Protein backbone atom coordinates (compact mmCIF):
# COMPACT_ATOMS: atom_id res chain seq x y z
CA MET A 1 -6.52 -14.37 -15.32
CA LEU A 2 -8.84 -13.27 -12.54
CA LEU A 3 -7.69 -9.94 -11.14
CA ASN A 4 -7.78 -9.82 -7.33
CA VAL A 5 -8.92 -6.25 -6.62
CA GLN A 6 -9.11 -5.29 -2.94
CA ARG A 7 -11.11 -2.32 -1.71
CA ASN A 8 -10.22 0.29 0.93
CA TYR A 9 -6.71 -1.01 1.39
CA PRO A 10 -4.77 0.78 4.20
CA MET A 11 -1.86 2.61 2.59
CA CYS A 12 -0.11 3.07 5.94
CA GLU A 13 0.80 -0.62 5.78
CA LEU A 14 2.57 -0.14 2.45
CA THR A 15 4.95 2.74 3.26
CA THR A 16 7.95 3.12 5.55
CA PHE A 17 6.44 6.35 6.89
CA LYS A 18 3.46 4.32 8.21
CA ILE A 19 1.15 7.22 7.36
CA GLY A 20 -1.84 7.47 5.05
CA GLY A 21 -5.48 6.63 4.53
CA ALA A 22 -6.92 3.86 2.39
CA ALA A 23 -6.62 3.26 -1.33
CA ARG A 24 -10.02 2.89 -2.95
CA PHE A 25 -8.70 -0.12 -4.90
CA TYR A 26 -5.52 -2.17 -4.58
CA VAL A 27 -3.92 -4.89 -6.71
CA LYS A 28 -0.77 -6.87 -6.00
CA ALA A 29 0.58 -7.29 -9.53
CA GLU A 30 2.69 -10.45 -9.57
CA SER A 31 2.79 -10.80 -13.35
CA ILE A 32 2.88 -8.62 -16.46
CA GLY A 33 -0.60 -9.83 -17.31
CA SER A 34 -1.98 -8.53 -14.03
CA VAL A 35 -0.41 -5.13 -14.73
CA TYR A 36 -2.26 -4.92 -18.05
CA GLU A 37 -5.51 -5.99 -16.38
CA SER A 38 -5.01 -3.43 -13.61
CA VAL A 39 -4.65 -0.58 -16.09
CA GLU A 40 -7.72 -1.83 -17.96
CA PHE A 41 -9.66 -1.96 -14.68
CA ALA A 42 -8.68 1.62 -13.85
CA ASN A 43 -9.77 2.75 -17.31
CA GLN A 44 -13.10 0.95 -16.98
CA GLN A 45 -13.72 2.59 -13.60
CA SER A 46 -12.56 5.99 -14.93
CA ILE A 47 -10.15 6.36 -12.02
CA PRO A 48 -6.45 7.20 -11.80
CA PHE A 49 -3.86 4.61 -10.86
CA TYR A 50 -0.58 4.81 -8.95
CA VAL A 51 2.29 2.35 -9.40
CA LEU A 52 3.82 1.38 -6.04
CA GLY A 53 7.18 -0.23 -5.36
CA GLY A 54 8.49 -0.61 -1.82
CA GLY A 55 6.75 2.49 -0.46
CA SER A 56 10.06 3.76 0.91
CA ASN A 57 9.96 7.15 -0.78
CA LEU A 58 6.27 7.93 -0.39
CA LEU A 59 4.11 10.06 1.89
CA VAL A 60 0.38 9.35 1.56
CA SER A 61 -2.41 11.76 2.46
CA ASP A 62 -4.61 10.92 5.44
CA LYS A 63 -7.51 11.05 2.99
CA GLY A 64 -5.99 8.10 1.16
CA TYR A 65 -6.03 7.65 -2.60
CA ASP A 66 -9.24 7.72 -4.64
CA GLY A 67 -7.95 5.40 -7.34
CA LEU A 68 -6.18 2.11 -7.95
CA VAL A 69 -2.80 1.28 -6.41
CA ILE A 70 -0.86 -1.19 -8.57
CA HIS A 71 1.72 -2.81 -6.31
CA MET A 72 4.50 -4.15 -8.54
CA SER A 73 5.41 -7.59 -7.24
CA ASN A 74 6.82 -9.46 -10.28
CA THR A 75 10.16 -11.04 -9.40
CA GLU A 76 11.37 -12.89 -12.49
CA SER A 77 15.10 -12.63 -13.18
CA GLU A 78 17.74 -13.67 -15.73
CA THR A 79 21.55 -13.61 -15.73
CA THR A 80 23.89 -13.70 -18.74
CA LYS A 81 27.65 -13.22 -19.09
CA ASP A 82 29.65 -11.38 -21.74
CA GLY A 83 33.39 -11.43 -21.17
CA GLU A 84 34.12 -9.53 -17.97
CA CYS A 85 30.54 -8.22 -17.74
CA VAL A 86 27.49 -9.84 -16.18
CA HIS A 87 24.01 -8.73 -17.26
CA LYS A 88 21.15 -9.17 -14.81
CA SER A 89 17.53 -8.52 -15.77
CA CYS A 90 15.20 -8.28 -12.77
CA GLY A 91 11.46 -7.89 -12.40
CA ALA A 92 10.30 -4.59 -10.95
CA GLY A 93 9.08 -6.24 -7.75
CA VAL A 94 12.46 -7.63 -6.69
CA VAL A 95 13.54 -6.15 -3.35
CA TRP A 96 16.46 -3.83 -4.07
CA ASP A 97 18.73 -4.86 -1.21
CA SER A 98 18.17 -8.54 -1.96
CA PHE A 99 19.41 -7.85 -5.48
CA VAL A 100 22.47 -5.98 -4.17
CA ASN A 101 23.22 -8.82 -1.75
CA GLU A 102 23.01 -11.32 -4.62
CA CYS A 103 25.46 -9.28 -6.72
CA VAL A 104 27.91 -8.89 -3.85
CA SER A 105 27.76 -12.62 -3.05
CA GLU A 106 28.63 -13.30 -6.71
CA ASN A 107 31.57 -10.86 -6.43
CA LEU A 108 30.15 -8.44 -8.98
CA PHE A 109 31.53 -4.89 -8.79
CA GLY A 110 29.76 -1.56 -9.05
CA ILE A 111 26.73 -1.92 -6.77
CA GLU A 112 28.18 -2.62 -3.31
CA CYS A 113 27.72 0.95 -2.04
CA LEU A 114 24.00 0.84 -2.79
CA SER A 115 23.44 -1.71 -0.01
CA GLY A 116 20.65 -1.04 2.45
CA ILE A 117 18.63 1.30 0.23
CA PRO A 118 14.94 0.43 0.74
CA GLY A 119 12.51 -0.16 -2.11
CA THR A 120 12.39 -2.28 -5.23
CA VAL A 121 14.34 -2.75 -8.45
CA GLY A 122 11.58 -1.09 -10.47
CA ALA A 123 11.88 2.10 -8.45
CA SER A 124 15.67 2.34 -8.76
CA PRO A 125 15.80 4.09 -12.17
CA VAL A 126 12.93 6.44 -11.33
CA GLN A 127 14.88 8.39 -8.69
CA ASN A 128 18.25 7.35 -10.12
CA ILE A 129 19.10 6.13 -6.63
CA GLY A 130 22.63 6.65 -5.39
CA ALA A 131 24.75 6.61 -2.26
CA TYR A 132 28.37 6.63 -1.13
CA GLY A 133 29.81 7.38 -4.55
CA GLN A 134 27.70 5.04 -6.67
CA SER A 135 24.43 5.47 -8.56
CA VAL A 136 22.32 3.24 -10.79
CA ASP A 137 22.73 5.38 -13.90
CA ASN A 138 26.19 3.81 -14.21
CA LEU A 139 24.75 0.29 -13.96
CA ILE A 140 21.50 0.32 -15.92
CA SER A 141 21.76 -0.77 -19.55
CA ALA A 142 18.03 -1.03 -20.28
CA VAL A 143 14.61 -0.39 -18.75
CA THR A 144 11.50 -2.20 -19.99
CA ALA A 145 8.11 -0.64 -19.35
CA ILE A 146 4.49 -0.53 -20.43
CA ASP A 147 3.26 2.68 -22.01
CA ALA A 148 0.07 3.18 -20.02
CA THR A 149 -1.42 5.41 -22.73
CA THR A 150 -1.08 2.83 -25.53
CA GLY A 151 -0.55 -0.50 -23.78
CA ASP A 152 2.63 -1.08 -25.79
CA PHE A 153 5.84 -2.51 -24.42
CA VAL A 154 8.70 -0.01 -24.68
CA LYS A 155 12.40 -0.44 -23.99
CA PHE A 156 14.76 2.39 -23.07
CA ASN A 157 18.55 2.30 -23.27
CA ASN A 158 20.62 4.18 -20.73
CA ALA A 159 20.72 7.47 -22.66
CA GLU A 160 16.97 7.40 -23.28
CA CYS A 161 16.34 7.22 -19.51
CA LYS A 162 17.69 10.80 -19.26
CA PHE A 163 19.44 10.25 -15.96
CA SER A 164 20.72 13.12 -13.83
CA TYR A 165 21.01 13.72 -10.09
CA ARG A 166 17.97 12.02 -8.48
CA LYS A 167 16.15 12.44 -11.78
CA SER A 168 15.14 10.44 -14.84
CA LEU A 169 12.62 10.34 -17.65
CA PHE A 170 10.32 8.42 -15.33
CA ASN A 171 9.92 11.14 -12.70
CA SER A 172 10.03 14.08 -15.12
CA ASP A 173 8.71 14.15 -18.70
CA GLY A 174 7.43 10.57 -18.54
CA PHE A 175 5.99 10.70 -15.03
CA GLY A 176 2.80 8.62 -14.83
CA LYS A 177 3.12 7.44 -18.43
CA TYR A 178 5.37 4.42 -18.05
CA ILE A 179 5.02 1.39 -15.78
CA ILE A 180 8.46 -0.13 -15.32
CA THR A 181 8.29 -3.94 -15.49
CA SER A 182 11.98 -4.89 -15.48
CA VAL A 183 15.46 -3.39 -15.36
CA ARG A 184 18.67 -4.71 -16.91
CA PHE A 185 21.93 -4.06 -15.05
CA THR A 186 25.48 -4.54 -16.28
CA LEU A 187 28.07 -5.31 -13.62
CA LYS A 188 31.76 -6.19 -13.74
CA LEU A 189 33.57 -9.38 -12.76
CA VAL A 190 36.83 -7.48 -12.32
CA GLY A 191 37.38 -4.30 -10.35
CA LYS A 192 38.01 -2.74 -6.97
CA PRO A 193 35.47 -1.91 -4.25
CA ASN A 194 34.47 1.74 -4.13
CA VAL A 195 35.62 3.18 -0.78
CA LYS A 196 36.36 6.78 -1.82
CA TYR A 197 33.39 8.33 -0.02
CA HIS A 198 34.32 10.08 3.24
CA ASP A 199 32.30 7.79 5.53
CA LEU A 200 33.93 4.72 3.98
CA GLU A 201 37.44 6.19 4.07
CA LYS A 202 36.90 6.89 7.74
CA TYR A 203 35.51 3.40 8.37
CA PHE A 204 38.37 1.53 6.70
CA LEU A 205 41.15 4.06 7.44
CA LYS A 206 44.27 2.62 5.77
CA GLU A 207 43.04 -0.93 5.27
CA THR A 208 43.88 -2.58 1.96
CA ASP A 209 42.52 -5.60 0.08
CA ILE A 210 38.99 -4.72 1.10
CA THR A 211 36.36 -7.16 -0.16
CA LEU A 212 32.94 -6.35 -1.59
CA GLN A 213 31.28 -8.07 1.36
CA GLU A 214 33.27 -5.93 3.79
CA VAL A 215 32.09 -2.80 1.95
CA ARG A 216 28.49 -4.00 2.10
CA THR A 217 28.79 -4.71 5.83
CA ALA A 218 30.28 -1.25 6.39
CA ILE A 219 27.50 0.45 4.41
CA LEU A 220 24.81 -1.35 6.42
CA LYS A 221 26.46 -0.33 9.70
CA ILE A 222 26.81 3.30 8.59
CA ARG A 223 23.22 3.47 7.36
CA GLU A 224 22.00 1.91 10.61
CA TYR A 225 23.95 4.48 12.63
CA LYS A 226 22.28 7.23 10.61
CA GLY A 227 18.87 5.63 11.15
CA MET A 228 18.42 5.16 7.41
CA LEU A 229 17.84 1.39 7.34
CA GLN A 230 14.41 -0.16 6.84
CA MET A 231 15.49 -3.77 7.32
CA GLU A 232 14.46 -6.40 9.84
CA GLY A 233 17.01 -6.78 12.61
CA TYR A 234 18.36 -3.25 12.27
CA ARG A 235 17.48 -0.06 14.12
CA GLY A 236 15.50 2.37 12.01
CA PHE A 237 12.82 5.07 12.05
CA LYS A 238 9.43 5.54 10.45
CA CYS A 239 10.58 7.79 7.64
CA ALA A 240 11.23 7.89 3.91
CA GLY A 241 14.99 8.20 4.11
CA SER A 242 16.23 11.48 2.67
CA PHE A 243 13.25 13.85 2.60
CA PHE A 244 15.17 16.54 0.67
CA LYS A 245 17.62 16.55 -2.23
CA ASN A 246 21.06 18.11 -1.98
CA PRO A 247 20.81 21.53 -3.69
CA VAL A 248 23.20 22.84 -6.32
CA VAL A 249 24.17 26.54 -6.12
CA SER A 250 26.45 28.92 -7.97
CA ALA A 251 30.02 29.48 -6.78
CA SER A 252 29.21 33.01 -5.58
CA HIS A 253 26.14 31.80 -3.68
CA PHE A 254 28.25 29.07 -2.10
CA ASP A 255 30.70 31.68 -0.79
CA GLU A 256 27.80 33.51 0.86
CA ILE A 257 26.57 30.29 2.44
CA LEU A 258 30.06 29.48 3.69
CA ASP A 259 30.20 32.74 5.61
CA GLY A 260 26.94 31.90 7.39
CA LEU A 261 27.75 28.36 8.50
CA ASN A 262 28.82 27.50 12.01
CA GLY A 263 31.96 25.42 12.26
CA ALA A 264 31.83 24.06 8.72
CA LYS A 265 34.38 26.21 6.91
CA SER A 266 37.25 23.77 7.45
CA ASP A 267 35.16 20.65 6.75
CA ARG A 268 35.12 19.67 3.07
CA ASN A 269 32.72 16.78 3.51
CA TRP A 270 29.50 18.75 3.06
CA TYR A 271 30.03 20.19 -0.42
CA TRP A 272 31.09 18.87 -3.80
CA PRO A 273 32.30 21.15 -6.65
CA GLN A 274 30.67 20.39 -10.01
CA VAL A 275 32.24 20.47 -13.45
CA ASP A 276 30.51 23.75 -14.42
CA SER A 277 31.78 25.71 -11.36
CA ASP A 278 28.51 25.18 -9.49
CA VAL A 279 28.65 23.51 -6.08
CA LYS A 280 26.42 20.74 -4.73
CA ILE A 281 25.95 21.19 -1.01
CA SER A 282 24.65 18.99 1.77
CA ALA A 283 21.03 19.73 2.61
CA ALA A 284 21.64 17.94 5.91
CA CYS A 285 24.38 20.45 6.78
CA LEU A 286 22.11 23.42 6.11
CA ILE A 287 19.25 21.90 8.10
CA GLU A 288 21.51 20.96 10.99
CA ASN A 289 22.81 24.53 11.18
CA CYS A 290 19.22 25.76 11.48
CA PHE A 291 17.74 23.15 13.81
CA GLY A 292 20.19 20.52 14.96
CA LYS A 293 19.79 16.74 14.92
CA GLY A 294 16.72 15.37 16.64
CA TYR A 295 14.76 18.61 16.54
CA ARG A 296 11.06 17.88 17.10
CA ALA A 297 7.77 19.68 16.71
CA GLY A 298 5.12 17.54 18.35
CA ARG A 299 4.84 14.09 16.80
CA VAL A 300 7.19 14.88 13.89
CA GLY A 301 10.89 15.65 13.94
CA LEU A 302 14.32 15.20 12.47
CA SER A 303 16.21 11.99 13.04
CA PRO A 304 18.72 12.24 15.92
CA ASN A 305 21.20 10.54 13.60
CA HIS A 306 20.71 12.33 10.27
CA THR A 307 18.93 15.61 9.61
CA LEU A 308 17.80 14.61 6.10
CA ALA A 309 15.32 12.17 7.60
CA VAL A 310 11.94 13.55 8.70
CA VAL A 311 10.56 11.06 11.20
CA ASN A 312 7.07 10.01 12.23
CA TYR A 313 7.70 9.62 15.94
CA ASP A 314 4.24 9.03 17.34
CA ASN A 315 1.48 8.31 14.83
CA ALA A 316 1.85 11.66 13.13
CA THR A 317 -0.54 12.72 10.39
CA PHE A 318 0.20 13.64 6.79
CA THR A 319 -0.61 17.27 7.57
CA GLU A 320 1.79 17.35 10.51
CA VAL A 321 4.63 16.02 8.35
CA MET A 322 3.90 18.50 5.56
CA ASP A 323 3.76 21.41 8.02
CA PHE A 324 7.06 20.32 9.52
CA ALA A 325 8.66 20.01 6.08
CA LYS A 326 7.50 23.53 5.22
CA LEU A 327 9.04 24.82 8.45
CA ILE A 328 12.37 23.27 7.43
CA GLU A 329 12.13 24.68 3.90
CA ASP A 330 11.16 28.19 5.00
CA THR A 331 13.85 28.40 7.67
CA VAL A 332 16.64 27.18 5.38
CA TYR A 333 15.57 29.63 2.69
CA GLU A 334 15.34 32.53 5.13
CA ARG A 335 18.85 31.91 6.42
CA PHE A 336 20.71 30.71 3.30
CA LYS A 337 18.44 31.70 0.39
CA VAL A 338 18.47 28.06 -0.73
CA THR A 339 15.29 26.33 -1.91
CA LEU A 340 15.12 22.71 -0.75
CA ASP A 341 13.47 20.33 -3.21
CA ARG A 342 11.67 17.33 -1.77
CA GLU A 343 12.92 13.88 -2.71
CA VAL A 344 9.90 12.15 -1.21
CA GLN A 345 6.84 11.63 -3.43
CA ILE A 346 3.47 12.89 -2.23
CA LEU A 347 0.31 10.91 -2.94
């Protein structure tokens, strides 16, 4: 196989932020063989490599990346059935929402609320993506990857992926070590659509007999309203979706935060009690109390629809986005003593 290595590839074309300089080298890896060759090329050149999915959770420096970008683009897939369960193995390069649409069209339960999330299948276990009451840690039965340090194929079961909120083995202890090549999902042929999340309860009110397709349509409309869609034909912004994670605080700290919030004391839709008495709170709520939706500082700002999205409004630079993010972080900490962790990856 002849590896097609491109030089000085503009990274701004590969991310939803539309920001970033050039990658020194770039490979579109459409097969497992090309992934192996890409790693070998990087080793021969004594340069680092970065594995790219859909570029929807990535902010790239204006200086670019002095290494090799391996763009996972393998799309092989396989479906098997086992009683009331359907197992789907998908290549890392499969577009995530296309996979969700396929599952919904086949009336498979458990993934409908993850409609409209940008990115690829291979990236889904890394961040343990989730939305509207569902997350992939409840769907993934196996992850296959290449150990970049040995070249060996490795397979992880669900427990070995070490899933937690927006976290996994692949963005913590194993960050940079494993190149995910495929993911196996287990979905159900029998079930009920998940409409327990507040936005969905509000959308459907007291409707009954709701179909999976109706839930998917609702999710896409809600995400479009919030400016969180990166799909052709829908309104969206140049951003990476949620820039910050929802923080978890102690019960006593939560009480202090509650006293400092404007008009949120009677609204239960911005916090979620955890099993250990801690409380997960909405980062968007904290940010909105400090700045308000649509707040801007030059060419960067918050989305007018959802304060978790930091938006590139007018050809902003990497530095401008990072400065704006720090302003958000510092202000939220000063007012609420809460440290916001970034969900977006920085390259």
